[in-house]
């Protein structure tokens, strides 16, 4: 019988508005978002604030965005995330993974991946949930190995 893969706790922070919803949670150095609808600049600001809060405990974070249900995003949100990423210390982001379905969001993730490549931050995009979840489970197992596994 195989062990149950490590799970993230329930969302620590939830942002809801007329156009969408974002849930933020973390465990160890693994940060996860689950978003739906349209991402606005307030969502992006909440995300970067959450990353900074996790970074107070961990030098860098591994981010997993479940954005399969995201239909689009405001340009202000994209600008905020890009500026934050470019201004953050290099060690702030160990890796970033994004599950997408929308072609618009996938195109934005591809563009972000090019920018992050300059900073040597791997950004991986997934269209198959099982692949994304396997990667997240492996990251959680590594995060918990020294302490809780």
Foldseek 3Di string as FASTA:
>chain_A
DDDDFDDWDFFPDWDDDPFWIKGWTDDQQEIEIEIAGEAELVNLVVVLVVLVVNCVVPVEHEYEYEYQRYQYYDVNSLVSNLVSVVPDPLRHYQEYEYAYDHPRVVVSQVVVQVVCVVSVHYYYYHPDVVVSVVVSSVVNCVSCVVPHD
